[in-house]
Amino acid sequence: MSRPRNVPAALAIVVLSLPLMYVLNELVRDIFTRMAVFYALVVPAALVAVRLDWKKLLRLDAKMAGLGVLLGFALYGLGWIGFALLRAVWPEFAGQSATFYGWLRHDDSAVMWLLILGIIVGEEIVWRAVVTLPLSDRWGYGGVLAGAAGFAAVHLPWGPPLLLLAAFVFGGCWSLVIYKTRSFWCALVSHLLWDFLVMWAIPYAG
């Protein structure tokens, strides 16, 4: 699936994404609009720079979608346990979740949720498919960690440390999913379900 130029192109995306997000952090005030603009810029460039077998990656497979559902619930459960432990041993750090949930309460419009949907799809295209697959094809689990680190890094200009930790841990899980399954849908369904549960259905914090 990986071509020779894919690895340097994927690394370039990792390196250049952070300064781009810093620029957008200064230009776009709303957090979800900012992220949507970021992926509107990065996704086309990433698709041109890194050549993948998208026909294979996007092949609809009920088993992979079902696995994505199971993984979404499993990751939610693990996150719930982790957050409960964190709140018990380091409540100040866990309290940073108020910042994230405050963003959601600030604008609970249909437009915001549509932006979030587009952002999640963009994240899976860029960080799981375009970045993780070439790097993991070259370096195995090291590539998975690199994809997770790049994903977490773009949260650095505006995200509290708790969000950076969550992005690295769960981003790493979704990178591992696509590395092992070679299914875009499995990773996307898992990510969508996890976000739905954490953001709206059963939040980790009130």
Protein backbone atom coordinates (compact mmCIF):
# COMPACT_ATOMS: atom_id res chain seq x y z
CA MET A 1 0.00 0.00 0.00
CA SER A 2 2.86 2.37 0.74
CA ARG A 3 4.91 4.00 -2.02
CA PRO A 4 8.50 5.26 -1.60
CA ARG A 5 7.57 8.93 -1.41
CA ASN A 6 4.75 8.33 1.08
CA VAL A 7 6.98 8.24 4.16
CA PRO A 8 8.66 11.65 3.64
CA ALA A 9 5.30 13.12 2.59
CA ALA A 10 3.64 11.77 5.74
CA LEU A 11 6.45 13.15 7.89
CA ALA A 12 6.12 16.52 6.19
CA ILE A 13 2.43 16.59 7.09
CA VAL A 14 3.29 15.87 10.73
CA VAL A 15 5.91 18.63 10.82
CA LEU A 16 3.95 21.31 8.93
CA SER A 17 0.60 20.76 10.62
CA LEU A 18 1.67 22.26 13.95
CA PRO A 19 2.75 25.69 12.63
CA LEU A 20 -0.39 25.80 10.49
CA MET A 21 -2.52 25.22 13.56
CA TYR A 22 -0.63 27.94 15.43
CA VAL A 23 -1.44 30.37 12.60
CA LEU A 24 -5.10 29.38 12.55
CA ASN A 25 -5.20 29.71 16.33
CA GLU A 26 -4.46 33.41 15.86
CA LEU A 27 -6.83 33.94 12.94
CA VAL A 28 -9.93 31.88 13.80
CA ARG A 29 -11.50 32.40 17.21
CA ASP A 30 -14.07 29.57 17.33
CA ILE A 31 -12.40 26.26 18.14
CA PHE A 32 -14.55 24.04 15.93
CA THR A 33 -14.46 26.43 12.97
CA ARG A 34 -10.67 26.58 13.38
CA MET A 35 -10.34 22.81 13.24
CA ALA A 36 -12.72 22.58 10.29
CA VAL A 37 -10.62 25.13 8.37
CA PHE A 38 -7.48 23.19 9.29
CA TYR A 39 -8.80 19.95 7.82
CA ALA A 40 -10.31 21.72 4.82
CA LEU A 41 -6.74 22.82 4.02
CA VAL A 42 -4.82 19.71 5.05
CA VAL A 43 -7.03 16.92 3.68
CA PRO A 44 -6.68 17.87 -0.03
CA ALA A 45 -2.92 18.42 0.35
CA ALA A 46 -2.55 15.11 2.19
CA LEU A 47 -4.50 13.19 -0.45
CA VAL A 48 -2.27 14.61 -3.19
CA ALA A 49 0.99 14.09 -1.29
CA VAL A 50 0.40 10.54 -0.06
CA ARG A 51 -0.87 7.87 -2.45
CA LEU A 52 -2.89 5.11 -0.82
CA ASP A 53 -5.12 2.34 -2.11
CA TRP A 54 -8.32 4.13 -1.15
CA LYS A 55 -10.49 1.61 -2.98
CA LYS A 56 -9.27 -1.05 -0.58
CA LEU A 57 -9.34 1.19 2.49
CA LEU A 58 -12.91 2.35 1.80
CA ARG A 59 -14.29 -1.08 0.95
CA LEU A 60 -17.52 -1.48 2.90
CA ASP A 61 -17.33 -4.42 5.27
CA ALA A 62 -20.07 -5.10 7.81
CA LYS A 63 -17.67 -7.04 10.03
CA MET A 64 -15.22 -4.15 10.14
CA ALA A 65 -18.01 -1.67 10.88
CA GLY A 66 -19.29 -3.97 13.62
CA LEU A 67 -15.80 -4.25 15.06
CA GLY A 68 -15.63 -0.46 15.03
CA VAL A 69 -18.80 -0.32 17.13
CA LEU A 70 -17.39 -2.80 19.64
CA LEU A 71 -14.11 -0.91 19.82
CA GLY A 72 -15.93 2.39 20.26
CA PHE A 73 -17.77 1.06 23.32
CA ALA A 74 -14.61 -0.62 24.63
CA LEU A 75 -12.56 2.56 24.33
CA TYR A 76 -15.32 4.56 25.99
CA GLY A 77 -15.29 2.11 28.91
CA LEU A 78 -11.52 2.21 29.25
CA GLY A 79 -11.61 6.00 29.09
CA TRP A 80 -14.30 6.14 31.76
CA ILE A 81 -12.15 4.01 34.08
CA GLY A 82 -9.06 6.07 33.31
CA PHE A 83 -10.87 9.36 33.91
CA ALA A 84 -12.34 8.10 37.20
CA LEU A 85 -8.87 7.08 38.40
CA LEU A 86 -7.40 10.39 37.26
CA ARG A 87 -10.13 12.30 39.08
CA ALA A 88 -9.35 10.33 42.23
CA VAL A 89 -5.56 10.78 42.21
CA TRP A 90 -5.18 14.13 40.41
CA PRO A 91 -8.47 16.04 40.50
CA GLU A 92 -6.92 19.31 39.33
CA PHE A 93 -5.72 17.68 36.11
CA ALA A 94 -9.03 15.89 35.55
CA GLY A 95 -10.79 19.19 36.13
CA GLN A 96 -9.41 20.46 32.83
CA SER A 97 -12.28 18.53 31.21
CA ALA A 98 -14.44 21.54 32.12
CA THR A 99 -12.69 23.51 29.38
CA PHE A 100 -13.60 20.95 26.73
CA TYR A 101 -17.20 20.53 27.85
CA GLY A 102 -17.48 24.30 28.10
CA TRP A 103 -16.73 24.56 24.36
CA LEU A 104 -19.58 22.15 23.63
CA ARG A 105 -22.05 24.00 25.87
CA HIS A 106 -21.08 27.36 24.39
CA ASP A 107 -22.61 26.50 21.01
CA ASP A 108 -24.90 23.49 20.87
CA SER A 109 -26.15 24.26 17.37
CA ALA A 110 -26.61 21.85 14.47
CA VAL A 111 -23.83 23.70 12.64
CA MET A 112 -21.37 22.92 15.42
CA TRP A 113 -22.23 19.22 15.32
CA LEU A 114 -21.87 19.15 11.53
CA LEU A 115 -18.46 20.78 11.92
CA ILE A 116 -17.50 18.15 14.49
CA LEU A 117 -18.59 15.38 12.11
CA GLY A 118 -16.44 16.83 9.33
CA ILE A 119 -13.52 17.26 11.71
CA ILE A 120 -13.65 13.61 12.79
CA VAL A 121 -13.67 12.44 9.17
CA GLY A 122 -10.74 14.75 8.45
CA GLU A 123 -8.82 13.42 11.44
CA GLU A 124 -9.24 9.86 10.24
CA ILE A 125 -8.17 10.72 6.70
CA VAL A 126 -5.09 12.68 7.76
CA TRP A 127 -3.80 11.06 10.95
CA ARG A 128 -4.94 7.49 10.66
CA ALA A 129 -4.79 6.83 6.91
CA VAL A 130 -2.40 9.33 5.33
CA VAL A 131 0.10 9.59 8.22
CA THR A 132 -0.15 6.34 10.19
CA LEU A 133 -0.29 3.80 7.37
CA PRO A 134 2.90 4.83 5.52
CA LEU A 135 4.83 5.31 8.76
CA SER A 136 3.64 2.04 10.29
CA ASP A 137 4.39 0.20 7.05
CA ARG A 138 7.97 1.44 7.45
CA TRP A 139 8.43 1.34 11.23
CA GLY A 140 5.63 -0.81 12.60
CA TYR A 141 4.39 0.27 16.02
CA GLY A 142 6.81 3.21 15.90
CA GLY A 143 4.74 4.55 13.02
CA VAL A 144 1.58 4.10 15.08
CA LEU A 145 3.14 6.17 17.87
CA ALA A 146 4.27 8.80 15.36
CA GLY A 147 0.72 9.12 14.04
CA ALA A 148 -0.60 9.48 17.59
CA ALA A 149 2.05 12.08 18.44
CA GLY A 150 1.27 14.14 15.34
CA PHE A 151 -2.44 14.04 16.11
CA ALA A 152 -1.86 15.13 19.71
CA ALA A 153 0.56 17.87 18.66
CA VAL A 154 -2.02 19.79 16.60
CA HIS A 155 -4.03 20.21 19.81
CA LEU A 156 -1.05 21.94 21.45
CA PRO A 157 -1.78 25.55 20.37
CA TRP A 158 -5.17 25.65 22.10
CA GLY A 159 -5.84 22.45 24.07
CA PRO A 160 -5.33 21.91 27.81
CA PRO A 161 -2.84 19.13 28.76
CA LEU A 162 -5.68 16.70 29.52
CA LEU A 163 -6.91 17.00 25.92
CA LEU A 164 -3.37 16.44 24.60
CA LEU A 165 -3.13 13.27 26.69
CA ALA A 166 -6.52 12.04 25.45
CA ALA A 167 -5.59 12.83 21.84
CA PHE A 168 -2.37 10.85 22.14
CA VAL A 169 -3.91 7.84 23.89
CA PHE A 170 -7.08 7.50 21.85
CA GLY A 171 -5.46 8.73 18.65
CA GLY A 172 -2.91 5.97 19.18
CA CYS A 173 -5.73 3.44 19.59
CA TRP A 174 -7.33 4.47 16.30
CA SER A 175 -3.95 4.45 14.58
CA LEU A 176 -3.45 0.92 15.86
CA VAL A 177 -6.91 -0.05 14.62
CA ILE A 178 -6.27 1.07 11.05
CA TYR A 179 -2.76 -0.42 11.08
CA LYS A 180 -4.12 -3.82 12.10
CA THR A 181 -7.40 -3.88 10.16
CA ARG A 182 -6.52 -1.82 7.07
CA SER A 183 -10.10 -0.57 7.29
CA PHE A 184 -10.89 3.15 7.24
CA TRP A 185 -14.45 2.37 8.33
CA CYS A 186 -13.43 0.41 11.40
CA ALA A 187 -11.36 3.30 12.74
CA LEU A 188 -13.93 5.93 11.71
CA VAL A 189 -16.91 4.12 13.27
CA SER A 190 -14.97 3.60 16.50
CA HIS A 191 -13.97 7.28 16.61
CA LEU A 192 -17.47 8.54 15.79
CA LEU A 193 -19.09 6.36 18.45
CA TRP A 194 -16.52 7.28 21.09
CA ASP A 195 -16.98 10.99 20.41
CA PHE A 196 -20.77 10.63 20.47
CA LEU A 197 -20.65 8.94 23.86
CA VAL A 198 -18.05 11.27 25.40
CA MET A 199 -19.39 14.53 24.00
CA TRP A 200 -23.12 14.02 24.22
CA ALA A 201 -24.63 10.70 25.35
CA ILE A 202 -22.65 9.79 28.50
CA PRO A 203 -20.01 12.49 29.16
CA TYR A 204 -17.10 11.62 31.40
CA ALA A 205 -17.72 14.82 33.36
CA GLY A 206 -20.87 16.88 33.81
